[in-house]
N, C-alpha and C. Protein backbone atom coordinates (compact mmCIF):
# COMPACT_ATOMS: atom_id res chain seq x y z
N MET A 1 9.42 -17.50 1.04
CA MET A 1 9.48 -17.65 -0.30
C MET A 1 9.40 -19.16 -0.84
N ILE A 2 10.26 -19.80 -0.18
CA ILE A 2 10.32 -21.19 -0.67
C ILE A 2 8.88 -21.99 -0.34
N ILE A 3 8.26 -21.47 0.74
CA ILE A 3 7.03 -22.00 1.12
C ILE A 3 5.96 -21.74 0.13
N LEU A 4 6.08 -20.47 -0.49
CA LEU A 4 4.89 -20.34 -1.58
C LEU A 4 5.30 -21.35 -2.55
N PHE A 5 6.55 -21.36 -3.08
CA PHE A 5 6.92 -22.22 -4.07
C PHE A 5 6.42 -23.67 -3.93
N ILE A 6 6.75 -24.42 -2.46
CA ILE A 6 6.35 -25.74 -2.43
C ILE A 6 4.77 -25.83 -2.52
N ILE A 7 4.12 -24.72 -1.83
CA ILE A 7 2.52 -24.69 -1.84
C ILE A 7 2.36 -24.78 -3.32
N GLY A 8 2.80 -23.67 -4.15
CA GLY A 8 2.47 -24.03 -5.47
C GLY A 8 2.50 -25.08 -6.53
N LEU A 9 3.75 -25.87 -6.04
CA LEU A 9 3.97 -27.23 -6.70
C LEU A 9 2.93 -28.18 -6.12
N LEU A 10 2.64 -28.15 -4.82
CA LEU A 10 1.38 -28.98 -4.31
C LEU A 10 -0.09 -28.77 -4.95
N VAL A 11 -0.19 -27.45 -5.07
CA VAL A 11 -1.57 -27.26 -5.78
C VAL A 11 -1.49 -27.60 -7.34
N GLY A 12 -0.30 -27.43 -8.04
CA GLY A 12 -0.28 -27.87 -9.22
C GLY A 12 -0.32 -29.48 -9.59
N ALA A 13 0.36 -30.14 -8.69
CA ALA A 13 0.08 -31.67 -8.48
C ALA A 13 -1.36 -32.05 -8.24
N VAL A 14 -1.94 -31.43 -7.34
CA VAL A 14 -3.17 -32.01 -7.26
C VAL A 14 -4.19 -31.49 -8.36
N SER A 15 -3.88 -30.34 -9.04
CA SER A 15 -4.83 -30.18 -10.11
C SER A 15 -4.44 -30.97 -11.30
N VAL A 16 -3.38 -31.64 -11.38
CA VAL A 16 -2.85 -32.40 -12.52
C VAL A 16 -3.69 -33.74 -12.14
N ILE A 17 -3.37 -34.36 -11.11
CA ILE A 17 -4.13 -35.55 -10.46
C ILE A 17 -5.84 -35.52 -10.81
N PHE A 18 -6.39 -34.44 -10.39
CA PHE A 18 -7.79 -34.20 -10.57
C PHE A 18 -7.93 -34.24 -12.08
N ALA A 19 -7.48 -33.58 -12.81
CA ALA A 19 -7.77 -33.41 -14.46
C ALA A 19 -7.52 -35.03 -14.82
N LEU A 20 -6.58 -35.83 -14.48
CA LEU A 20 -6.32 -37.08 -14.93
C LEU A 20 -7.51 -38.07 -14.37
N GLN A 21 -8.01 -37.81 -13.26
CA GLN A 21 -8.96 -38.55 -12.73
C GLN A 21 -10.57 -38.29 -13.11
N ASN A 22 -10.74 -37.25 -13.81
CA ASN A 22 -11.81 -36.58 -14.30
C ASN A 22 -12.03 -36.30 -15.72
N VAL A 23 -11.89 -37.55 -16.37
CA VAL A 23 -11.95 -37.23 -17.89
C VAL A 23 -13.27 -37.61 -18.51
N ALA A 24 -14.22 -37.78 -17.76
CA ALA A 24 -15.69 -38.11 -18.30
C ALA A 24 -16.25 -36.86 -19.02
N VAL A 25 -16.75 -37.47 -20.10
CA VAL A 25 -17.35 -36.21 -21.00
C VAL A 25 -18.56 -35.70 -20.22
N VAL A 26 -18.93 -34.67 -20.00
CA VAL A 26 -20.14 -34.04 -19.58
C VAL A 26 -20.88 -32.71 -20.42
N THR A 27 -22.05 -32.76 -20.45
CA THR A 27 -22.62 -31.50 -21.19
C THR A 27 -23.26 -30.46 -20.28
N VAL A 28 -22.92 -29.23 -20.41
CA VAL A 28 -23.38 -28.25 -19.52
C VAL A 28 -24.43 -27.44 -20.21
N THR A 29 -25.53 -27.15 -19.78
CA THR A 29 -26.49 -26.24 -20.43
C THR A 29 -26.70 -24.87 -19.60
N PHE A 30 -26.56 -23.85 -20.54
CA PHE A 30 -26.95 -22.78 -19.89
C PHE A 30 -27.87 -21.81 -20.61
N PHE A 31 -29.06 -21.62 -20.17
CA PHE A 31 -29.87 -21.20 -21.29
C PHE A 31 -30.01 -21.83 -22.45
N SER A 32 -29.83 -21.32 -23.55
CA SER A 32 -30.00 -22.17 -24.82
C SER A 32 -28.44 -22.63 -25.18
N TYR A 33 -27.50 -22.23 -24.53
CA TYR A 33 -26.00 -22.60 -24.83
C TYR A 33 -25.73 -24.19 -24.23
N GLN A 34 -25.11 -24.82 -24.97
CA GLN A 34 -24.59 -25.96 -24.62
C GLN A 34 -23.10 -26.25 -24.61
N VAL A 35 -22.24 -26.81 -23.71
CA VAL A 35 -20.73 -26.91 -23.88
C VAL A 35 -20.65 -28.26 -23.38
N THR A 36 -19.80 -28.92 -24.07
CA THR A 36 -19.64 -30.39 -23.94
C THR A 36 -18.05 -30.39 -23.71
N GLY A 37 -17.61 -31.19 -22.73
CA GLY A 37 -15.89 -31.27 -22.55
C GLY A 37 -15.93 -31.95 -21.27
N SER A 38 -14.70 -32.38 -21.04
CA SER A 38 -14.22 -33.11 -19.94
C SER A 38 -14.74 -32.49 -18.47
N LEU A 39 -15.14 -33.28 -17.54
CA LEU A 39 -15.57 -32.65 -16.24
C LEU A 39 -14.36 -31.85 -15.72
N ALA A 40 -13.05 -32.13 -15.87
CA ALA A 40 -12.00 -31.34 -15.11
C ALA A 40 -12.07 -30.06 -16.13
N LEU A 41 -12.12 -30.02 -17.25
CA LEU A 41 -12.05 -28.63 -18.12
C LEU A 41 -13.41 -27.86 -17.62
N ILE A 42 -14.44 -28.39 -17.41
CA ILE A 42 -15.75 -27.57 -17.15
C ILE A 42 -15.51 -27.21 -15.76
N LEU A 43 -15.16 -27.82 -14.82
CA LEU A 43 -14.76 -27.29 -13.27
C LEU A 43 -13.83 -26.25 -13.38
N SER A 44 -12.65 -26.42 -14.07
CA SER A 44 -11.66 -25.45 -14.30
C SER A 44 -12.10 -24.14 -14.75
N LEU A 45 -12.92 -24.25 -15.72
CA LEU A 45 -13.61 -23.10 -16.31
C LEU A 45 -14.79 -22.23 -15.33
N ALA A 46 -15.22 -23.05 -14.46
CA ALA A 46 -16.17 -22.53 -13.50
C ALA A 46 -15.33 -22.02 -12.50
N ILE A 47 -14.16 -22.44 -12.03
CA ILE A 47 -13.28 -22.02 -10.97
C ILE A 47 -12.60 -20.51 -11.70
N ALA A 48 -12.26 -20.50 -12.88
CA ALA A 48 -11.71 -19.29 -13.30
C ALA A 48 -12.73 -18.36 -13.45
N ALA A 49 -13.95 -18.56 -13.72
CA ALA A 49 -15.04 -17.47 -13.89
C ALA A 49 -15.28 -16.93 -12.50
N GLY A 50 -15.21 -17.73 -11.49
CA GLY A 50 -15.62 -17.53 -10.15
C GLY A 50 -14.27 -16.44 -9.74
N ALA A 51 -13.24 -16.75 -10.13
CA ALA A 51 -11.91 -16.06 -9.68
C ALA A 51 -12.12 -14.59 -10.49
N LEU A 52 -12.57 -14.64 -11.56
CA LEU A 52 -12.74 -13.33 -12.64
C LEU A 52 -13.88 -12.59 -11.82
N VAL A 53 -14.74 -13.13 -11.33
CA VAL A 53 -15.93 -12.39 -10.70
C VAL A 53 -15.36 -11.55 -9.26
N VAL A 54 -14.75 -12.44 -8.56
CA VAL A 54 -14.18 -12.04 -7.33
C VAL A 54 -13.16 -10.65 -7.64
N ILE A 55 -12.26 -10.87 -8.54
CA ILE A 55 -11.30 -9.85 -8.95
C ILE A 55 -12.25 -8.40 -9.42
N LEU A 56 -13.20 -8.66 -10.31
CA LEU A 56 -14.05 -7.37 -10.69
C LEU A 56 -14.79 -7.08 -9.33
N ILE A 57 -15.15 -7.80 -8.52
CA ILE A 57 -15.78 -7.09 -7.33
C ILE A 57 -14.81 -6.35 -6.31
N LEU A 58 -13.51 -6.88 -6.27
CA LEU A 58 -12.52 -6.33 -5.51
C LEU A 58 -11.79 -5.16 -6.28
N LEU A 59 -11.79 -4.84 -7.46
CA LEU A 59 -11.08 -3.95 -8.12
C LEU A 59 -11.44 -2.53 -7.75
N PRO A 60 -12.70 -2.24 -7.49
CA PRO A 60 -12.71 -0.57 -7.24
C PRO A 60 -12.05 -0.31 -5.59
N GLU A 61 -12.05 -1.43 -4.94
CA GLU A 61 -11.44 -1.15 -3.65
C GLU A 61 -10.01 -1.10 -3.75
N PHE A 62 -9.49 -1.89 -4.53
CA PHE A 62 -7.92 -1.88 -4.81
C PHE A 62 -7.48 -0.69 -5.60
N ILE A 63 -8.30 0.06 -6.48
CA ILE A 63 -8.00 1.28 -6.98
C ILE A 63 -8.29 2.60 -6.10
N LYS A 64 -9.29 2.27 -5.13
CA LYS A 64 -9.28 3.42 -4.11
C LYS A 64 -7.91 3.54 -3.42
N ASN A 65 -7.61 2.34 -2.82
CA ASN A 65 -6.63 2.09 -1.72
C ASN A 65 -5.37 2.66 -2.63
N TYR A 66 -4.97 2.40 -3.80
CA TYR A 66 -3.86 2.67 -4.51
C TYR A 66 -3.80 4.47 -4.63
N PHE A 67 -4.83 4.93 -4.78
CA PHE A 67 -4.89 6.36 -4.84
C PHE A 67 -4.59 7.07 -3.62
N GLN A 68 -5.23 6.21 -2.45
CA GLN A 68 -5.30 6.70 -1.14
C GLN A 68 -3.73 6.46 -0.68
N TYR A 69 -2.97 5.46 -1.12
CA TYR A 69 -1.74 5.22 -0.67
C TYR A 69 -0.77 6.50 -1.40
N LYS A 70 -0.91 6.65 -2.64
CA LYS A 70 -0.36 7.77 -3.27
C LYS A 70 -0.52 9.10 -2.49
N GLY A 71 -1.59 9.52 -2.16
CA GLY A 71 -1.88 10.56 -1.33
C GLY A 71 -1.10 10.74 -0.22
N MET A 72 -1.02 9.70 0.55
CA MET A 72 -0.41 9.61 1.95
C MET A 72 1.10 9.58 1.59
N LYS A 73 1.56 9.04 0.62
CA LYS A 73 3.08 9.10 0.38
C LYS A 73 3.34 10.49 0.14
N LYS A 74 2.51 11.34 -0.54
CA LYS A 74 2.87 12.64 -1.04
C LYS A 74 2.79 13.57 0.25
N GLU A 75 1.83 13.22 1.19
CA GLU A 75 1.64 14.05 2.35
C GLU A 75 2.84 13.68 3.30
N ASN A 76 3.22 12.40 3.34
CA ASN A 76 4.41 12.01 4.17
C ASN A 76 5.82 12.75 3.91
N GLU A 77 5.85 13.06 2.40
CA GLU A 77 7.10 13.49 1.91
C GLU A 77 6.86 15.14 2.19
N LYS A 78 5.67 15.72 2.40
CA LYS A 78 5.73 16.99 2.57
C LYS A 78 5.99 17.04 4.07
N LEU A 79 5.29 16.27 4.88
CA LEU A 79 5.56 16.45 6.39
C LEU A 79 6.93 16.05 6.68
N ALA A 80 7.83 15.23 6.15
CA ALA A 80 9.32 15.26 6.18
C ALA A 80 10.08 16.30 5.91
N GLU A 81 9.66 17.01 4.86
CA GLU A 81 10.30 18.36 4.59
C GLU A 81 10.07 19.50 5.58
N GLU A 82 8.81 19.45 6.00
CA GLU A 82 8.46 20.43 6.89
C GLU A 82 9.21 20.26 8.24
N LEU A 83 9.34 18.97 8.77
CA LEU A 83 10.40 18.63 10.11
C LEU A 83 11.79 18.79 9.67
N ARG A 84 12.19 18.44 8.56
CA ARG A 84 13.50 18.85 8.14
C ARG A 84 13.69 20.45 8.46
N LYS A 85 12.92 21.23 7.91
CA LYS A 85 12.87 22.72 8.23
C LYS A 85 12.75 22.90 9.66
N GLN A 86 12.01 22.50 10.29
CA GLN A 86 11.82 22.67 11.90
C GLN A 86 13.18 22.39 12.55
N LYS A 87 13.88 21.30 12.02
CA LYS A 87 15.04 20.82 12.92
C LYS A 87 16.24 21.85 12.50
N GLU A 88 16.06 22.45 11.40
CA GLU A 88 17.13 23.52 11.09
C GLU A 88 16.75 24.74 11.78
N LEU A 89 15.57 25.08 11.92
CA LEU A 89 15.27 26.28 12.75
C LEU A 89 15.68 26.11 14.22
N ALA A 90 15.66 24.80 14.85
CA ALA A 90 16.04 24.51 16.06
C ALA A 90 17.49 24.67 16.37
N VAL A 91 17.97 24.22 15.30
CA VAL A 91 19.71 24.40 15.56
C VAL A 91 20.05 25.60 15.42
N PHE A 92 19.43 26.42 14.67
CA PHE A 92 19.77 27.80 14.39
C PHE A 92 19.35 28.61 15.60
N ALA A 93 18.44 28.41 16.29
CA ALA A 93 17.73 29.00 17.46
C ALA A 93 18.66 28.72 18.48
N LYS A 94 19.39 27.59 18.61
CA LYS A 94 20.21 27.17 19.79
C LYS A 94 21.56 28.04 19.73
N GLN A 95 22.06 28.64 18.32
CA GLN A 95 23.28 29.33 18.09
C GLN A 95 23.02 30.71 18.63
N VAL A 96 21.76 31.10 18.27
CA VAL A 96 21.36 32.74 18.61
C VAL A 96 21.38 33.07 20.08
N PRO A 97 21.95 34.14 20.61
CA PRO A 97 21.81 34.09 21.97
C PRO A 97 20.65 34.22 22.75
N ALA A 98 20.27 33.90 23.87
CA ALA A 98 18.93 33.99 24.58
C ALA A 98 18.45 35.38 24.49
N THR A 99 17.25 35.40 24.53
CA THR A 99 16.44 36.74 24.43
C THR A 99 16.72 37.51 25.65
N GLU A 100 16.57 36.96 26.83
CA GLU A 100 16.96 37.40 27.96
C GLU A 100 18.27 38.11 28.19
N GLU A 101 19.18 37.26 27.46
CA GLU A 101 20.53 38.10 27.62
C GLU A 101 20.55 39.42 26.58
N ILE A 102 19.91 39.42 25.51
CA ILE A 102 19.70 40.65 24.64
C ILE A 102 19.20 41.62 25.22
N ILE A 103 18.13 41.33 26.13
CA ILE A 103 17.30 42.43 26.63
C ILE A 103 18.06 43.00 27.88
N SER A 104 18.68 42.17 28.49
CA SER A 104 19.56 42.69 29.70
C SER A 104 20.68 43.66 29.25
N LYS A 105 21.16 43.17 28.05
CA LYS A 105 22.34 44.09 27.32
C LYS A 105 21.78 45.36 27.00
N ILE A 106 20.29 45.23 26.34
CA ILE A 106 19.85 46.58 26.09
C ILE A 106 19.43 47.53 27.29
N GLU A 107 19.16 46.79 28.32
CA GLU A 107 18.55 47.63 29.44
C GLU A 107 19.99 48.14 30.12
N ASP A 108 20.97 47.48 29.98
CA ASP A 108 22.33 47.70 30.68
C ASP A 108 22.83 49.16 29.89
N GLY A 109 22.65 49.06 28.38
CA GLY A 109 23.30 50.13 27.90
C GLY A 109 22.50 51.30 27.95
N VAL A 110 21.02 51.09 28.23
CA VAL A 110 20.24 52.36 28.43
C VAL A 110 20.43 53.13 29.72
N SER A 111 20.63 52.21 30.86
CA SER A 111 21.09 52.62 32.19
C SER A 111 22.50 53.47 32.31
N ASP A 112 23.34 52.98 31.22
CA ASP A 112 24.69 53.57 31.28
C ASP A 112 24.52 54.74 30.55
N SER A 113 23.96 54.82 29.52
CA SER A 113 23.61 56.23 28.78
C SER A 113 22.82 57.34 29.70
N GLY A 114 21.95 56.75 30.43
CA GLY A 114 21.14 57.68 31.28
C GLY A 114 22.04 58.17 32.62
N ALA A 115 23.15 57.50 32.94
CA ALA A 115 23.75 58.07 33.99
C ALA A 115 24.71 58.91 33.78
N GLN A 116 25.04 59.07 32.36
CA GLN A 116 25.98 60.06 31.99
C GLN A 116 25.59 61.30 31.79
């Protein structure tokens, strides 16, 4: 976290130095529009416009990933609940006598009653 803070300070310092060294007035023409301002201001606006374009291009993917994450989270909760139920059934199955023992007891009871 401290590294990000230090990097932010360095980028801020470089930006201030850039702005102070590029105070020349320039005119930018786009179609019939003209904008006059310092070189640093014009370049900063161009960078901001580029960042905005990148965000708008990536926004649909971010939204898709968000909804996909939410769906997977719900599915994970459902599977965790199913696993919990299966574990409960496994514990219960260990407590119930084995099926072979029950069958042998039934067979013993049938053979005893047949002998009488």
